[in-house]
């Protein structure tokens, strides 16, 4: 007897999984995330939700609800790295404290720093936010997924519901345009 082949999850399935995790609802055993070692990843309680979980849930919303014409990006500055890699990145211009997500819409730049409820900005983040604001960028901080969603909705980055689909994927040029076109 053969077992059915596993399929890659669709964006909607990924989004639903992130939402369950962000709300503290455990996924069915068959859908739980596994660690690279093959062991099941630890589930976290609602009060101890990690910033990464909030971030991944928000990205799930962006993939489904982003307004057309918005380009967004996550700069992977955080995390533990070998000292040599950290030195190389610093020499290449990586700066500490850069917010988690950057959005560009209609020539305006908006940065969003995500924090879990009760989280605090580091001194490097506060300094970076001051420099970005002085350069003309909008810098916002959201505590938890609900506040992040409300912030991006109010900023015109997200559509009100996941059902309102865009014609072009967020962060990509509409069909027929190339990057060099003006």
Protein backbone atom coordinates (compact mmCIF):
# COMPACT_ATOMS: atom_id res chain seq x y z
CA UNK A 1 0.00 0.00 0.00
CA UNK A 2 1.40 3.41 -0.94
CA UNK A 3 1.07 6.55 1.12
CA UNK A 4 -0.03 9.74 -0.58
CA UNK A 5 2.80 12.15 -1.42
CA UNK A 6 3.03 15.21 0.79
CA UNK A 7 2.23 18.42 -1.02
CA UNK A 8 3.80 21.82 -0.45
CA UNK A 9 1.40 23.99 1.56
CA UNK A 10 -0.41 26.75 -0.30
CA UNK A 11 -0.03 30.38 0.86
CA UNK A 12 -3.48 30.13 2.46
CA UNK A 13 -2.48 26.99 4.39
CA UNK A 14 0.73 28.69 5.56
CA UNK A 15 -1.29 31.78 6.56
CA UNK A 16 -3.79 29.66 8.49
CA UNK A 17 -0.97 27.87 10.31
CA UNK A 18 0.68 31.14 11.31
CA UNK A 19 -2.65 32.51 12.54
CA UNK A 20 -3.29 29.44 14.69
CA UNK A 21 0.21 29.66 16.14
CA UNK A 22 -0.05 33.42 16.80
CA UNK A 23 -3.35 32.90 18.61
CA UNK A 24 -1.89 30.10 20.69
CA UNK A 25 -4.02 27.39 19.06
CA UNK A 26 -1.97 24.25 18.50
CA UNK A 27 -1.95 22.94 14.95
CA UNK A 28 -3.06 19.36 14.30
CA UNK A 29 -0.20 16.89 14.88
CA UNK A 30 0.12 16.30 11.14
CA UNK A 31 0.69 20.02 10.51
CA UNK A 32 3.05 20.94 13.36
CA UNK A 33 6.34 22.46 12.45
CA UNK A 34 9.34 20.22 12.94
CA UNK A 35 12.80 21.34 13.97
CA UNK A 36 15.69 20.67 11.54
CA UNK A 37 16.60 17.67 13.69
CA UNK A 38 13.24 16.10 12.91
CA UNK A 39 11.91 16.59 16.44
CA UNK A 40 8.66 18.46 16.86
CA UNK A 41 9.11 22.14 17.62
CA UNK A 42 8.04 23.31 21.05
CA UNK A 43 4.69 25.04 21.25
CA UNK A 44 4.55 28.29 23.18
CA UNK A 45 1.83 29.51 25.48
CA UNK A 46 -0.15 32.62 24.53
CA UNK A 47 1.67 34.73 27.13
CA UNK A 48 5.09 33.74 25.80
CA UNK A 49 4.64 34.23 22.06
CA UNK A 50 7.97 34.92 20.39
CA UNK A 51 8.54 37.91 18.12
CA UNK A 52 9.41 35.48 15.34
CA UNK A 53 5.93 33.94 15.59
CA UNK A 54 4.29 37.35 15.35
CA UNK A 55 6.56 38.27 12.45
CA UNK A 56 5.76 35.08 10.52
CA UNK A 57 2.02 35.54 11.11
CA UNK A 58 2.23 39.13 9.86
CA UNK A 59 4.10 38.00 6.74
CA UNK A 60 1.26 35.51 6.16
CA UNK A 61 -1.17 38.45 6.20
CA UNK A 62 1.06 40.45 3.85
CA UNK A 63 1.17 37.60 1.34
CA UNK A 64 -2.63 37.55 1.20
CA UNK A 65 -3.76 41.10 2.03
CA UNK A 66 -1.06 43.50 0.79
CA UNK A 67 -2.23 46.49 -1.26
CA UNK A 68 -1.01 46.47 -4.89
CA UNK A 69 1.97 48.74 -5.51
CA UNK A 70 3.56 48.15 -2.09
CA UNK A 71 7.08 46.74 -1.99
CA UNK A 72 8.16 45.25 1.31
CA UNK A 73 11.19 43.54 2.75
CA UNK A 74 12.62 42.02 5.93
CA UNK A 75 16.26 42.71 6.64
CA UNK A 76 17.64 39.66 8.48
CA UNK A 77 19.91 41.63 10.84
CA UNK A 78 19.07 39.70 13.99
CA UNK A 79 19.96 36.21 15.03
CA UNK A 80 23.12 34.47 16.14
CA UNK A 81 25.95 34.33 13.64
CA UNK A 82 29.57 33.31 13.64
CA UNK A 83 31.79 36.30 14.52
CA UNK A 84 33.42 36.23 11.07
CA UNK A 85 30.03 36.50 9.34
CA UNK A 86 29.00 39.34 11.68
CA UNK A 87 32.24 41.18 10.88
CA UNK A 88 31.74 40.70 7.16
CA UNK A 89 28.16 42.01 7.32
CA UNK A 90 29.26 45.03 9.38
CA UNK A 91 32.00 45.79 6.83
CA UNK A 92 29.35 45.61 4.09
CA UNK A 93 27.22 48.26 5.83
CA UNK A 94 24.80 46.30 8.02
CA UNK A 95 23.63 48.58 10.81
CA UNK A 96 22.25 47.59 14.22
CA UNK A 97 18.68 48.37 15.25
CA UNK A 98 17.09 48.37 11.79
CA UNK A 99 13.34 47.70 12.11
CA UNK A 100 11.93 44.30 11.18
CA UNK A 101 10.04 45.29 8.03
CA UNK A 102 10.39 48.03 5.43
CA UNK A 103 7.58 49.13 3.12
CA UNK A 104 7.67 51.47 0.13
CA UNK A 105 4.44 52.83 -1.28
CA UNK A 106 4.06 55.79 -3.63
CA UNK A 107 7.60 56.97 -2.86
CA UNK A 108 7.09 56.92 0.92
CA UNK A 109 9.18 54.67 3.16
CA UNK A 110 7.68 53.13 6.28
CA UNK A 111 9.48 50.91 8.77
CA UNK A 112 7.73 48.64 11.27
CA UNK A 113 9.40 47.24 14.37
CA UNK A 114 7.58 44.25 15.84
CA UNK A 115 7.63 43.52 19.56
CA UNK A 116 5.79 40.96 21.59
CA UNK A 117 3.50 42.38 24.25
CA UNK A 118 5.68 43.65 27.05
CA UNK A 119 8.76 43.85 24.80
CA UNK A 120 11.02 46.91 24.75
CA UNK A 121 13.19 48.65 22.18
CA UNK A 122 16.94 48.25 22.58
CA UNK A 123 19.17 51.35 22.70
CA UNK A 124 20.43 50.49 19.17
CA UNK A 125 16.82 50.32 17.90
CA UNK A 126 15.95 53.69 19.47
CA UNK A 127 19.01 55.30 17.89
CA UNK A 128 18.31 53.75 14.47
CA UNK A 129 14.66 54.86 14.62
CA UNK A 130 15.79 58.46 15.35
CA UNK A 131 18.12 58.40 12.32
CA UNK A 132 15.45 56.96 10.03
CA UNK A 133 12.88 59.55 11.14
CA UNK A 134 15.42 62.36 10.66
CA UNK A 135 15.97 61.07 7.09
CA UNK A 136 12.22 61.34 6.41
CA UNK A 137 11.05 57.77 6.94
CA UNK A 138 7.99 56.85 8.97
CA UNK A 139 8.99 54.51 11.81
CA UNK A 140 6.31 52.65 13.76
CA UNK A 141 6.46 50.12 16.58
CA UNK A 142 3.72 47.52 17.10
CA UNK A 143 3.31 45.34 20.19
CA UNK A 144 1.68 42.04 19.21
CA UNK A 145 0.00 40.83 16.04
CA UNK A 146 -3.27 42.71 16.52
CA UNK A 147 -1.49 46.05 16.87
CA UNK A 148 0.75 45.27 13.88
CA UNK A 149 -2.27 44.46 11.70
CA UNK A 150 -4.10 47.63 12.79
CA UNK A 151 -0.97 49.71 12.17
CA UNK A 152 -0.50 48.40 8.62
CA UNK A 153 -4.21 48.71 7.87
CA UNK A 154 -4.18 52.36 9.01
CA UNK A 155 -0.99 53.01 7.00
CA UNK A 156 -2.66 51.73 3.82
CA UNK A 157 -0.37 48.70 3.50
CA UNK A 158 -2.99 46.00 4.15
CA UNK A 159 -6.44 45.51 2.66
CA UNK A 160 -9.27 45.17 5.21
CA UNK A 161 -9.85 41.46 4.57
CA UNK A 162 -7.95 38.48 3.23
CA UNK A 163 -10.63 37.96 0.57
CA UNK A 164 -9.72 41.18 -1.26
CA UNK A 165 -7.09 39.81 -3.64
CA UNK A 166 -4.71 42.04 -5.60
CA UNK A 167 -4.09 41.63 -9.31
CA UNK A 168 -0.29 41.59 -8.84
CA UNK A 169 1.49 39.84 -5.99
CA UNK A 170 2.66 42.30 -3.37
CA UNK A 171 6.26 43.34 -3.85
CA UNK A 172 6.30 42.33 -7.51
CA UNK A 173 5.88 44.44 -10.61
CA UNK A 174 2.69 44.03 -12.62
CA UNK A 175 3.05 41.72 -15.62
CA UNK A 176 4.72 43.40 -18.58
CA UNK A 177 6.90 45.82 -16.56
CA UNK A 178 10.60 45.37 -16.07
CA UNK A 179 12.71 46.78 -13.27
CA UNK A 180 14.46 49.27 -15.56
CA UNK A 181 11.20 50.65 -17.04
CA UNK A 182 10.15 54.18 -16.17
